[in-house]
Structures are given as structure tokens and as C-alpha cells.
Amino acid sequence: MAMLIFMFFVLIILVLDAYKFVSVRHAKFARKKVLTTLQYMDPALIEAHTGMKVLTIEEFDSLNKDLEESRGKIRAMNTQVQQKFSEVLKAQSSINNMKTELEELKKLAAA
């Protein structure tokens, strides 16, 4: 029972260290060891345990490429939206100027 409590305590410390809330000596080495071990594990085993899909390098690169293309399209659309918005603001200010001029002309015509 004491061993179980001790192991539970060590597990909590290691989890906190993994999230960098607590610093434990040699835990950095253990974290690197786990990550290097994961590199050589069967992807199906990792997918079964984590529930996440493991991507190949080609899939990852193609997704990154698609992401960059999408970001570029979004930037282009954002600039177009900003241009249209500035045109609308210019038109709105010119309409307001025309309204004030018309009101002044009506005042002059009434006088």
C-alpha cells in the first residue's frame, strides 16, 4: 500500500514536471527519452492510445502548404475588404458633405 502511494506521488510529480509546473532533476532526460521512443513506435499503436491521427511527413508538409496558401488568400481578401471599406467611408463622407451643402443652400434660398 505504501509503495502504491509512493508511485502515485511520483506520477503526480512527473505529470506536473511535464507541464513545467514543478522542476525535477533528470526529468528533462526522461521527457526526451519518451519523445525519442515515440518516434520509433508503430503509428497505429499511438493512434489507438491517443485517439489522434499520426501524420506522415508528406501529409504534414501538404497540410502546412495548404495552410500557408489559405493564409495568403485570407490576407488578399482582407486587403480587398479594407479597400472596399475605405471606399464606403469616402462615399459616406462625401454624402454627408453634400447633405450639409444642400441644407446651407436651402437656408440661403429661404432667406
PDB file of N, CA and C in Angstrom:
ATOM      1  N   MET A   1       0.823  -1.191   0.000  1.00  0.00           N
ATOM      2  CA  MET A   1       0.000   0.000   0.000  1.00  0.00           C
ATOM      3  C   MET A   1       0.871   1.261   0.000  1.00  0.00           C
ATOM      4  N   ALA A   2       1.936   1.233   0.797  1.00  0.00           N
ATOM      5  CA  ALA A   2       2.839   2.376   0.851  1.00  0.00           C
ATOM      6  C   ALA A   2       3.524   2.573  -0.496  1.00  0.00           C
ATOM      7  N   MET A   3       3.857   1.464  -1.147  1.00  0.00           N
ATOM      8  CA  MET A   3       4.502   1.547  -2.459  1.00  0.00           C
ATOM      9  C   MET A   3       3.550   2.167  -3.483  1.00  0.00           C
ATOM     10  N   LEU A   4       2.285   1.816  -3.409  1.00  0.00           N
ATOM     11  CA  LEU A   4       1.285   2.363  -4.320  1.00  0.00           C
ATOM     12  C   LEU A   4       1.148   3.875  -4.115  1.00  0.00           C
ATOM     13  N   ILE A   5       1.106   4.321  -2.887  1.00  0.00           N
ATOM     14  CA  ILE A   5       1.014   5.750  -2.589  1.00  0.00           C
ATOM     15  C   ILE A   5       2.265   6.474  -3.070  1.00  0.00           C
ATOM     16  N   PHE A   6       3.420   5.879  -2.857  1.00  0.00           N
ATOM     17  CA  PHE A   6       4.673   6.474  -3.311  1.00  0.00           C
ATOM     18  C   PHE A   6       4.695   6.602  -4.835  1.00  0.00           C
ATOM     19  N   MET A   7       4.272   5.545  -5.534  1.00  0.00           N
ATOM     20  CA  MET A   7       4.260   5.582  -7.008  1.00  0.00           C
ATOM     21  C   MET A   7       3.266   6.626  -7.505  1.00  0.00           C
ATOM     22  N   PHE A   8       2.132   6.752  -6.838  1.00  0.00           N
ATOM     23  CA  PHE A   8       1.145   7.757  -7.213  1.00  0.00           C
ATOM     24  C   PHE A   8       1.727   9.160  -7.041  1.00  0.00           C
ATOM     25  N   PHE A   9       2.423   9.390  -5.944  1.00  0.00           N
ATOM     26  CA  PHE A   9       3.060  10.669  -5.682  1.00  0.00           C
ATOM     27  C   PHE A   9       4.102  10.989  -6.756  1.00  0.00           C
ATOM     28  N   VAL A  10       4.920   9.997  -7.136  1.00  0.00           N
ATOM     29  CA  VAL A  10       5.932  10.192  -8.175  1.00  0.00           C
ATOM     30  C   VAL A  10       5.266  10.498  -9.510  1.00  0.00           C
ATOM     31  N   LEU A  11       4.164   9.819  -9.798  1.00  0.00           N
ATOM     32  CA  LEU A  11       3.434  10.065 -11.043  1.00  0.00           C
ATOM     33  C   LEU A  11       2.914  11.502 -11.091  1.00  0.00           C
ATOM     34  N   ILE A  12       2.373  11.980  -9.993  1.00  0.00           N
ATOM     35  CA  ILE A  12       1.873  13.359  -9.945  1.00  0.00           C
ATOM     36  C   ILE A  12       3.012  14.342 -10.174  1.00  0.00           C
ATOM     37  N   ILE A  13       4.158  14.103  -9.554  1.00  0.00           N
ATOM     38  CA  ILE A  13       5.316  14.984  -9.725  1.00  0.00           C
ATOM     39  C   ILE A  13       5.768  14.992 -11.183  1.00  0.00           C
ATOM     40  N   LEU A  14       5.801  13.817 -11.820  1.00  0.00           N
ATOM     41  CA  LEU A  14       6.242  13.755 -13.214  1.00  0.00           C
ATOM     42  C   LEU A  14       5.255  14.441 -14.149  1.00  0.00           C
ATOM     43  N   VAL A  15       3.972  14.304 -13.877  1.00  0.00           N
ATOM     44  CA  VAL A  15       2.976  14.980 -14.711  1.00  0.00           C
ATOM     45  C   VAL A  15       3.106  16.492 -14.548  1.00  0.00           C
ATOM     46  N   LEU A  16       3.275  16.945 -13.325  1.00  0.00           N
ATOM     47  CA  LEU A  16       3.464  18.379 -13.108  1.00  0.00           C
ATOM     48  C   LEU A  16       4.746  18.869 -13.768  1.00  0.00           C
ATOM     49  N   ASP A  17       5.778  18.039 -13.766  1.00  0.00           N
ATOM     50  CA  ASP A  17       7.022  18.414 -14.426  1.00  0.00           C
ATOM     51  C   ASP A  17       6.833  18.484 -15.935  1.00  0.00           C
ATOM     52  N   ALA A  18       6.032  17.572 -16.473  1.00  0.00           N
ATOM     53  CA  ALA A  18       5.787  17.581 -17.917  1.00  0.00           C
ATOM     54  C   ALA A  18       5.115  18.880 -18.333  1.00  0.00           C
ATOM     55  N   TYR A  19       4.254  19.405 -17.486  1.00  0.00           N
ATOM     56  CA  TYR A  19       3.606  20.676 -17.784  1.00  0.00           C
ATOM     57  C   TYR A  19       4.386  21.866 -17.227  1.00  0.00           C
ATOM     58  N   LYS A  20       5.577  21.595 -16.722  1.00  0.00           N
ATOM     59  CA  LYS A  20       6.541  22.597 -16.260  1.00  0.00           C
ATOM     60  C   LYS A  20       6.023  23.425 -15.083  1.00  0.00           C
ATOM     61  N   PHE A  21       5.178  22.803 -14.243  1.00  0.00           N
ATOM     62  CA  PHE A  21       4.772  23.461 -13.009  1.00  0.00           C
ATOM     63  C   PHE A  21       5.787  23.195 -11.907  1.00  0.00           C
ATOM     64  N   VAL A  22       6.435  22.032 -11.972  1.00  0.00           N
ATOM     65  CA  VAL A  22       7.414  21.631 -10.970  1.00  0.00           C
ATOM     66  C   VAL A  22       8.649  21.180 -11.729  1.00  0.00           C
ATOM     67  N   SER A  23       9.815  21.434 -11.204  1.00  0.00           N
ATOM     68  CA  SER A  23      11.037  21.014 -11.868  1.00  0.00           C
ATOM     69  C   SER A  23      11.689  19.886 -11.064  1.00  0.00           C
ATOM     70  N   VAL A  24      11.927  18.765 -11.737  1.00  0.00           N
ATOM     71  CA  VAL A  24      12.542  17.604 -11.098  1.00  0.00           C
ATOM     72  C   VAL A  24      13.847  17.316 -11.818  1.00  0.00           C
ATOM     73  N   ARG A  25      14.880  17.015 -11.076  1.00  0.00           N
ATOM     74  CA  ARG A  25      16.164  16.690 -11.693  1.00  0.00           C
ATOM     75  C   ARG A  25      16.023  15.464 -12.578  1.00  0.00           C
ATOM     76  N   HIS A  26      16.668  15.481 -13.698  1.00  0.00           N
ATOM     77  CA  HIS A  26      16.714  14.381 -14.664  1.00  0.00           C
ATOM     78  C   HIS A  26      15.373  14.138 -15.351  1.00  0.00           C
ATOM     79  N   ALA A  27      14.366  14.922 -15.071  1.00  0.00           N
ATOM     80  CA  ALA A  27      13.085  14.727 -15.746  1.00  0.00           C
ATOM     81  C   ALA A  27      13.186  15.157 -17.202  1.00  0.00           C
ATOM     82  N   LYS A  28      14.041  16.121 -17.494  1.00  0.00           N
ATOM     83  CA  LYS A  28      14.234  16.564 -18.869  1.00  0.00           C
ATOM     84  C   LYS A  28      14.756  15.405 -19.718  1.00  0.00           C
ATOM     85  N   PHE A  29      15.672  14.630 -19.154  1.00  0.00           N
ATOM     86  CA  PHE A  29      16.194  13.469 -19.852  1.00  0.00           C
ATOM     87  C   PHE A  29      15.087  12.449 -20.100  1.00  0.00           C
ATOM     88  N   ALA A  30      14.250  12.218 -19.100  1.00  0.00           N
ATOM     89  CA  ALA A  30      13.159  11.253 -19.243  1.00  0.00           C
ATOM     90  C   ALA A  30      12.168  11.718 -20.298  1.00  0.00           C
ATOM     91  N   ARG A  31      11.884  13.022 -20.341  1.00  0.00           N
ATOM     92  CA  ARG A  31      10.961  13.549 -21.338  1.00  0.00           C
ATOM     93  C   ARG A  31      11.529  13.361 -22.740  1.00  0.00           C
ATOM     94  N   LYS A  32      12.826  13.641 -22.906  1.00  0.00           N
ATOM     95  CA  LYS A  32      13.462  13.446 -24.211  1.00  0.00           C
ATOM     96  C   LYS A  32      13.461  11.979 -24.604  1.00  0.00           C
ATOM     97  N   LYS A  33      13.670  11.106 -23.632  1.00  0.00           N
ATOM     98  CA  LYS A  33      13.679   9.671 -23.898  1.00  0.00           C
ATOM     99  C   LYS A  33      12.303   9.204 -24.374  1.00  0.00           C
ATOM    100  N   VAL A  34      11.253   9.704 -23.738  1.00  0.00           N
ATOM    101  CA  VAL A  34       9.897   9.334 -24.154  1.00  0.00           C
ATOM    102  C   VAL A  34       9.629   9.832 -25.569  1.00  0.00           C
ATOM    103  N   LEU A  35      10.037  11.061 -25.856  1.00  0.00           N
ATOM    104  CA  LEU A  35       9.781  11.610 -27.189  1.00  0.00           C
ATOM    105  C   LEU A  35      10.548  10.856 -28.264  1.00  0.00           C
ATOM    106  N   THR A  36      11.796  10.471 -27.978  1.00  0.00           N
ATOM    107  CA  THR A  36      12.553   9.708 -28.977  1.00  0.00           C
ATOM    108  C   THR A  36      11.987   8.305 -29.121  1.00  0.00           C
ATOM    109  N   THR A  37      11.457   7.746 -28.045  1.00  0.00           N
ATOM    110  CA  THR A  37      10.832   6.425 -28.139  1.00  0.00           C
ATOM    111  C   THR A  37       9.575   6.498 -28.986  1.00  0.00           C
ATOM    112  N   LEU A  38       8.812   7.578 -28.849  1.00  0.00           N
ATOM    113  CA  LEU A  38       7.592   7.741 -29.645  1.00  0.00           C
ATOM    114  C   LEU A  38       7.883   7.798 -31.135  1.00  0.00           C
ATOM    115  N   GLN A  39       9.061   8.296 -31.493  1.00  0.00           N
ATOM    116  CA  GLN A  39       9.404   8.395 -32.910  1.00  0.00           C
ATOM    117  C   GLN A  39       9.485   7.022 -33.565  1.00  0.00           C
ATOM    118  N   TYR A  40       9.875   6.005 -32.802  1.00  0.00           N
ATOM    119  CA  TYR A  40      10.080   4.682 -33.377  1.00  0.00           C
ATOM    120  C   TYR A  40       8.926   3.732 -33.097  1.00  0.00           C
ATOM    121  N   MET A  41       7.872   4.215 -32.454  1.00  0.00           N
ATOM    122  CA  MET A  41       6.719   3.366 -32.180  1.00  0.00           C
ATOM    123  C   MET A  41       5.846   3.247 -33.415  1.00  0.00           C
ATOM    124  N   ASP A  42       5.048   2.200 -33.450  1.00  0.00           N
ATOM    125  CA  ASP A  42       4.117   1.989 -34.540  1.00  0.00           C
ATOM    126  C   ASP A  42       3.030   3.061 -34.486  1.00  0.00           C
ATOM    127  N   PRO A  43       2.780   3.774 -35.586  1.00  0.00           N
ATOM    128  CA  PRO A  43       1.765   4.833 -35.566  1.00  0.00           C
ATOM    129  C   PRO A  43       0.370   4.319 -35.196  1.00  0.00           C
ATOM    130  N   ALA A  44       0.048   3.084 -35.579  1.00  0.00           N
ATOM    131  CA  ALA A  44      -1.267   2.542 -35.238  1.00  0.00           C
ATOM    132  C   ALA A  44      -1.422   2.414 -33.726  1.00  0.00           C
ATOM    133  N   LEU A  45      -0.341   2.061 -33.037  1.00  0.00           N
ATOM    134  CA  LEU A  45      -0.371   1.942 -31.584  1.00  0.00           C
ATOM    135  C   LEU A  45      -0.579   3.306 -30.939  1.00  0.00           C
ATOM    136  N   ILE A  46       0.102   4.321 -31.451  1.00  0.00           N
ATOM    137  CA  ILE A  46      -0.055   5.678 -30.921  1.00  0.00           C
ATOM    138  C   ILE A  46      -1.476   6.168 -31.170  1.00  0.00           C
ATOM    139  N   GLU A  47      -2.012   5.907 -32.389  1.00  0.00           N
ATOM    140  CA  GLU A  47      -3.368   6.326 -32.709  1.00  0.00           C
ATOM    141  C   GLU A  47      -4.383   5.641 -31.807  1.00  0.00           C
ATOM    142  N   ALA A  48      -4.154   4.358 -31.507  1.00  0.00           N
ATOM    143  CA  ALA A  48      -5.089   3.623 -30.658  1.00  0.00           C
ATOM    144  C   ALA A  48      -5.106   4.179 -29.243  1.00  0.00           C
ATOM    145  N   HIS A  49      -3.946   4.574 -28.726  1.00  0.00           N
ATOM    146  CA  HIS A  49      -3.887   5.055 -27.350  1.00  0.00           C
ATOM    147  C   HIS A  49      -4.311   6.511 -27.202  1.00  0.00           C
ATOM    148  N   THR A  50      -3.979   7.339 -28.184  1.00  0.00           N
ATOM    149  CA  THR A  50      -4.273   8.767 -28.058  1.00  0.00           C
ATOM    150  C   THR A  50      -5.580   9.163 -28.717  1.00  0.00           C
ATOM    151  N   GLY A  51      -6.019   8.404 -29.695  1.00  0.00           N
ATOM    152  CA  GLY A  51      -7.221   8.763 -30.425  1.00  0.00           C
ATOM    153  C   GLY A  51      -6.969   9.821 -31.485  1.00  0.00           C
ATOM    154  N   MET A  52      -5.706  10.167 -31.696  1.00  0.00           N
ATOM    155  CA  MET A  52      -5.358  11.169 -32.694  1.00  0.00           C
ATOM    156  C   MET A  52      -4.644  10.497 -33.868  1.00  0.00           C
ATOM    157  N   LYS A  53      -4.807  11.055 -35.055  1.00  0.00           N
ATOM    158  CA  LYS A  53      -4.170  10.502 -36.240  1.00  0.00           C
ATOM    159  C   LYS A  53      -2.717  10.943 -36.301  1.00  0.00           C
ATOM    160  N   VAL A  54      -1.836   9.995 -36.589  1.00  0.00           N
ATOM    161  CA  VAL A  54      -0.416  10.291 -36.752  1.00  0.00           C
ATOM    162  C   VAL A  54      -0.179  10.546 -38.236  1.00  0.00           C
ATOM    163  N   LEU A  55       0.358  11.717 -38.549  1.00  0.00           N
ATOM    164  CA  LEU A  55       0.569  12.107 -39.938  1.00  0.00           C
ATOM    165  C   LEU A  55       1.954  11.694 -40.410  1.00  0.00           C
ATOM    166  N   THR A  56       2.032  11.380 -41.690  1.00  0.00           N
ATOM    167  CA  THR A  56       3.337  11.154 -42.287  1.00  0.00           C
ATOM    168  C   THR A  56       3.950  12.514 -42.590  1.00  0.00           C
ATOM    169  N   ILE A  57       5.215  12.522 -42.929  1.00  0.00           N
ATOM    170  CA  ILE A  57       5.893  13.785 -43.233  1.00  0.00           C
ATOM    171  C   ILE A  57       5.260  14.450 -44.449  1.00  0.00           C
ATOM    172  N   GLU A  58       4.898  13.649 -45.458  1.00  0.00           N
ATOM    173  CA  GLU A  58       4.289  14.204 -46.665  1.00  0.00           C
ATOM    174  C   GLU A  58       2.929  14.831 -46.348  1.00  0.00           C
ATOM    175  N   GLU A  59       2.114  14.147 -45.516  1.00  0.00           N
ATOM    176  CA  GLU A  59       0.815  14.699 -45.143  1.00  0.00           C
ATOM    177  C   GLU A  59       0.986  16.000 -44.349  1.00  0.00           C
ATOM    178  N   PHE A  60       1.942  15.999 -43.443  1.00  0.00           N
ATOM    179  CA  PHE A  60       2.205  17.193 -42.642  1.00  0.00           C
ATOM    180  C   PHE A  60       2.646  18.349 -43.524  1.00  0.00           C
ATOM    181  N   ASP A  61       3.563  18.063 -44.470  1.00  0.00           N
ATOM    182  CA  ASP A  61       4.036  19.121 -45.373  1.00  0.00           C
ATOM    183  C   ASP A  61       2.912  19.648 -46.252  1.00  0.00           C
ATOM    184  N   SER A  62       2.055  18.735 -46.761  1.00  0.00           N
ATOM    185  CA  SER A  62       0.948  19.186 -47.605  1.00  0.00           C
ATOM    186  C   SER A  62      -0.051  20.016 -46.799  1.00  0.00           C
ATOM    187  N   LEU A  63      -0.296  19.640 -45.546  1.00  0.00           N
ATOM    188  CA  LEU A  63      -1.191  20.436 -44.710  1.00  0.00           C
ATOM    189  C   LEU A  63      -0.596  21.811 -44.418  1.00  0.00           C
ATOM    190  N   ASN A  64       0.710  21.864 -44.168  1.00  0.00           N
ATOM    191  CA  ASN A  64       1.366  23.159 -43.956  1.00  0.00           C
ATOM    192  C   ASN A  64       1.294  24.027 -45.199  1.00  0.00           C
ATOM    193  N   LYS A  65       1.486  23.398 -46.372  1.00  0.00           N
ATOM    194  CA  LYS A  65       1.409  24.136 -47.625  1.00  0.00           C
ATOM    195  C   LYS A  65      -0.006  24.683 -47.835  1.00  0.00           C
ATOM    196  N   ASP A  66      -1.021  23.843 -47.584  1.00  0.00           N
ATOM    197  CA  ASP A  66      -2.409  24.295 -47.703  1.00  0.00           C
ATOM    198  C   ASP A  66      -2.704  25.425 -46.728  1.00  0.00           C
ATOM    199  N   LEU A  67      -2.157  25.321 -45.533  1.00  0.00           N
ATOM    200  CA  LEU A  67      -2.365  26.362 -44.522  1.00  0.00           C
ATOM    201  C   LEU A  67      -1.765  27.683 -44.967  1.00  0.00           C
ATOM    202  N   GLU A  68      -0.551  27.641 -45.508  1.00  0.00           N
ATOM    203  CA  GLU A  68       0.091  28.873 -45.982  1.00  0.00           C
ATOM    204  C   GLU A  68      -0.678  29.480 -47.151  1.00  0.00           C
ATOM    205  N   GLU A  69      -1.176  28.618 -48.065  1.00  0.00           N
ATOM    206  CA  GLU A  69      -1.962  29.127 -49.187  1.00  0.00           C
ATOM    207  C   GLU A  69      -3.243  29.781 -48.689  1.00  0.00           C
ATOM    208  N   SER A  70      -3.887  29.143 -47.726  1.00  0.00           N
ATOM    209  CA  SER A  70      -5.122  29.707 -47.170  1.00  0.00           C
ATOM    210  C   SER A  70      -4.851  31.021 -46.470  1.00  0.00           C
ATOM    211  N   ARG A  71      -3.758  31.100 -45.747  1.00  0.00           N
ATOM    212  CA  ARG A  71      -3.407  32.361 -45.081  1.00  0.00           C
ATOM    213  C   ARG A  71      -3.165  33.466 -46.095  1.00  0.00           C
ATOM    214  N   GLY A  72      -2.518  33.118 -47.204  1.00  0.00           N
ATOM    215  CA  GLY A  72      -2.290  34.107 -48.260  1.00  0.00           C
ATOM    216  C   GLY A  72      -3.600  34.591 -48.861  1.00  0.00           C
ATOM    217  N   LYS A  73      -4.529  33.667 -49.099  1.00  0.00           N
ATOM    218  CA  LYS A  73      -5.839  34.053 -49.640  1.00  0.00           C
ATOM    219  C   LYS A  73      -6.589  34.937 -48.657  1.00  0.00           C
ATOM    220  N   ILE A  74      -6.488  34.599 -47.381  1.00  0.00           N
ATOM    221  CA  ILE A  74      -7.172  35.406 -46.368  1.00  0.00           C
ATOM    222  C   ILE A  74      -6.582  36.807 -46.323  1.00  0.00           C
ATOM    223  N   ARG A  75      -5.257  36.906 -46.416  1.00  0.00           N
ATOM    224  CA  ARG A  75      -4.627  38.239 -46.428  1.00  0.00           C
ATOM    225  C   ARG A  75      -5.098  39.052 -47.627  1.00  0.00           C
ATOM    226  N   ALA A  76      -5.177  38.396 -48.798  1.00  0.00           N
ATOM    227  CA  ALA A  76      -5.626  39.094 -50.007  1.00  0.00           C
ATOM    228  C   ALA A  76      -7.069  39.557 -49.851  1.00  0.00           C
ATOM    229  N   MET A  77      -7.929  38.691 -49.323  1.00  0.00           N
ATOM    230  CA  MET A  77      -9.321  39.075 -49.116  1.00  0.00           C
ATOM    231  C   MET A  77      -9.428  40.190 -48.080  1.00  0.00           C
ATOM    232  N   ASN A  78      -8.586  40.148 -47.069  1.00  0.00           N
ATOM    233  CA  ASN A  78      -8.603  41.189 -46.043  1.00  0.00           C
ATOM    234  C   ASN A  78      -8.236  42.542 -46.637  1.00  0.00           C
ATOM    235  N   THR A  79      -7.251  42.568 -47.520  1.00  0.00           N
ATOM    236  CA  THR A  79      -6.889  43.841 -48.159  1.00  0.00           C
ATOM    237  C   THR A  79      -8.032  44.342 -49.041  1.00  0.00           C
ATOM    238  N   GLN A  80      -8.718  43.431 -49.743  1.00  0.00           N
ATOM    239  CA  GLN A  80      -9.852  43.830 -50.570  1.00  0.00           C
ATOM    240  C   GLN A  80     -10.975  44.398 -49.707  1.00  0.00           C
ATOM    241  N   VAL A  81     -11.236  43.749 -48.582  1.00  0.00           N
ATOM    242  CA  VAL A  81     -12.280  44.235 -47.683  1.00  0.00           C
ATOM    243  C   VAL A  81     -11.907  45.614 -47.154  1.00  0.00           C
ATOM    244  N   GLN A  82     -10.657  45.812 -46.801  1.00  0.00           N
ATOM    245  CA  GLN A  82     -10.227  47.121 -46.303  1.00  0.00           C
ATOM    246  C   GLN A  82     -10.372  48.197 -47.376  1.00  0.00           C
ATOM    247  N   GLN A  83     -10.054  47.843 -48.629  1.00  0.00           N
ATOM    248  CA  GLN A  83     -10.206  48.809 -49.716  1.00  0.00           C
ATOM    249  C   GLN A  83     -11.673  49.177 -49.907  1.00  0.00           C
ATOM    250  N   LYS A  84     -12.549  48.170 -49.896  1.00  0.00           N
ATOM    251  CA  LYS A  84     -13.986  48.442 -50.057  1.00  0.00           C
ATOM    252  C   LYS A  84     -14.508  49.273 -48.893  1.00  0.00           C
ATOM    253  N   PHE A  85     -14.032  48.974 -47.700  1.00  0.00           N
ATOM    254  CA  PHE A  85     -14.461  49.724 -46.531  1.00  0.00           C
ATOM    255  C   PHE A  85     -14.021  51.184 -46.633  1.00  0.00           C
ATOM    256  N   SER A  86     -12.799  51.405 -47.104  1.00  0.00           N
ATOM    257  CA  SER A  86     -12.335  52.790 -47.260  1.00  0.00           C
ATOM    258  C   SER A  86     -13.147  53.507 -48.333  1.00  0.00           C
ATOM    259  N   GLU A  87     -13.532  52.794 -49.397  1.00  0.00           N
ATOM    260  CA  GLU A  87     -14.374  53.409 -50.430  1.00  0.00           C
ATOM    261  C   GLU A  87     -15.741  53.790 -49.851  1.00  0.00           C
ATOM    262  N   VAL A  88     -16.287  52.913 -49.029  1.00  0.00           N
ATOM    263  CA  VAL A  88     -17.580  53.194 -48.403  1.00  0.00           C
ATOM    264  C   VAL A  88     -17.465  54.400 -47.483  1.00  0.00           C
ATOM    265  N   LEU A  89     -16.401  54.487 -46.721  1.00  0.00           N
ATOM    266  CA  LEU A  89     -16.212  55.640 -45.833  1.00  0.00           C
ATOM    267  C   LEU A  89     -16.078  56.929 -46.627  1.00  0.00           C
ATOM    268  N   LYS A  90     -15.332  56.882 -47.736  1.00  0.00           N
ATOM    269  CA  LYS A  90     -15.194  58.070 -48.574  1.00  0.00           C
ATOM    270  C   LYS A  90     -16.545  58.491 -49.142  1.00  0.00           C
ATOM    271  N   ALA A  91     -17.323  57.505 -49.616  1.00  0.00           N
ATOM    272  CA  ALA A  91     -18.640  57.816 -50.168  1.00  0.00           C
ATOM    273  C   ALA A  91     -19.551  58.379 -49.086  1.00  0.00           C
ATOM    274  N   GLN A  92     -19.489  57.810 -47.902  1.00  0.00           N
ATOM    275  CA  GLN A  92     -20.325  58.291 -46.811  1.00  0.00           C
ATOM    276  C   GLN A  92     -19.954  59.724 -46.415  1.00  0.00           C
ATOM    277  N   SER A  93     -18.673  60.011 -46.374  1.00  0.00           N
ATOM    278  CA  SER A  93     -18.264  61.385 -46.029  1.00  0.00           C
ATOM    279  C   SER A  93     -18.672  62.362 -47.126  1.00  0.00           C
ATOM    280  N   SER A  94     -18.565  61.948 -48.386  1.00  0.00           N
ATOM    281  CA  SER A  94     -18.994  62.854 -49.464  1.00  0.00           C
ATOM    282  C   SER A  94     -20.504  63.063 -49.433  1.00  0.00           C
ATOM    283  N   ILE A  95     -21.262  62.032 -49.087  1.00  0.00           N
ATOM    284  CA  ILE A  95     -22.724  62.190 -48.969  1.00  0.00           C
ATOM    285  C   ILE A  95     -23.060  63.143 -47.831  1.00  0.00           C
ATOM    286  N   ASN A  96     -22.368  62.994 -46.711  1.00  0.00           N
ATOM    287  CA  ASN A  96     -22.600  63.911 -45.588  1.00  0.00           C
ATOM    288  C   ASN A  96     -22.255  65.344 -45.969  1.00  0.00           C
ATOM    289  N   ASN A  97     -21.183  65.531 -46.718  1.00  0.00           N
ATOM    290  CA  ASN A  97     -20.814  66.878 -47.184  1.00  0.00           C
ATOM    291  C   ASN A  97     -21.888  67.449 -48.098  1.00  0.00           C
ATOM    292  N   MET A  98     -22.416  66.602 -48.995  1.00  0.00           N
ATOM    293  CA  MET A  98     -23.470  67.059 -49.898  1.00  0.00           C
ATOM    294  C   MET A  98     -24.725  67.444 -49.123  1.00  0.00           C
ATOM    295  N   LYS A  99     -25.052  66.663 -48.085  1.00  0.00           N
ATOM    296  CA  LYS A  99     -26.236  66.974 -47.272  1.00  0.00           C
ATOM    297  C   LYS A  99     -26.080  68.323 -46.585  1.00  0.00           C
ATOM    298  N   THR A 100     -24.897  68.552 -46.035  1.00  0.00           N
ATOM    299  CA  THR A 100     -24.688  69.851 -45.360  1.00  0.00           C
ATOM    300  C   THR A 100     -24.740  70.997 -46.359  1.00  0.00           C
ATOM    301  N   GLU A 101     -24.191  70.794 -47.561  1.00  0.00           N
ATOM    302  CA  GLU A 101     -24.235  71.843 -48.592  1.00  0.00           C
ATOM    303  C   GLU A 101     -25.675  72.118 -49.032  1.00  0.00           C
ATOM    304  N   LEU A 102     -26.470  71.010 -49.177  1.00  0.00           N
ATOM    305  CA  LEU A 102     -27.872  71.185 -49.554  1.00  0.00           C
ATOM    306  C   LEU A 102     -28.647  71.946 -48.486  1.00  0.00           C
ATOM    307  N   GLU A 103     -28.381  71.638 -47.224  1.00  0.00           N
ATOM    308  CA  GLU A 103     -29.054  72.351 -46.138  1.00  0.00           C
ATOM    309  C   GLU A 103     -28.680  73.835 -46.141  1.00  0.00           C
ATOM    310  N   GLU A 104     -27.411  74.121 -46.404  1.00  0.00           N
ATOM    311  CA  GLU A 104     -26.971  75.520 -46.475  1.00  0.00           C
ATOM    312  C   GLU A 104     -27.628  76.235 -47.650  1.00  0.00           C
ATOM    313  N   LEU A 105     -27.730  75.518 -48.793  1.00  0.00           N
ATOM    314  CA  LEU A 105     -28.396  76.133 -49.952  1.00  0.00           C
ATOM    315  C   LEU A 105     -29.863  76.377 -49.692  1.00  0.00           C
ATOM    316  N   LYS A 106     -30.529  75.440 -48.976  1.00  0.00           N
ATOM    317  CA  LYS A 106     -31.938  75.645 -48.637  1.00  0.00           C
ATOM    318  C   LYS A 106     -32.093  76.837 -47.735  1.00  0.00           C
ATOM    319  N   LYS A 107     -31.183  77.006 -46.783  1.00  0.00           N
ATOM    320  CA  LYS A 107     -31.238  78.152 -45.891  1.00  0.00           C
ATOM    321  C   LYS A 107     -31.044  79.458 -46.658  1.00  0.00           C
ATOM    322  N   LEU A 108     -30.107  79.417 -47.627  1.00  0.00           N
ATOM    323  CA  LEU A 108     -29.873  80.624 -48.436  1.00  0.00           C
ATOM    324  C   LEU A 108     -31.060  80.930 -49.346  1.00  0.00           C
ATOM    325  N   ALA A 109     -31.668  79.860 -49.896  1.00  0.00           N
ATOM    326  CA  ALA A 109     -32.805  80.062 -50.783  1.00  0.00           C
ATOM    327  C   ALA A 109     -34.016  80.554 -50.004  1.00  0.00           C
ATOM    328  N   ALA A 110     -34.155  80.105 -48.746  1.00  0.00           N
ATOM    329  CA  ALA A 110     -35.299  80.545 -47.931  1.00  0.00           C
ATOM    330  C   ALA A 110     -35.118  81.986 -47.456  1.00  0.00           C
ATOM    331  N   ALA A 111     -33.909  82.435 -47.399  1.00  0.00           N
ATOM    332  CA  ALA A 111     -33.674  83.789 -46.883  1.00  0.00           C
ATOM    333  C   ALA A 111     -33.838  84.852 -47.900  1.00  0.00           C
TER     334      ALA A 111
END
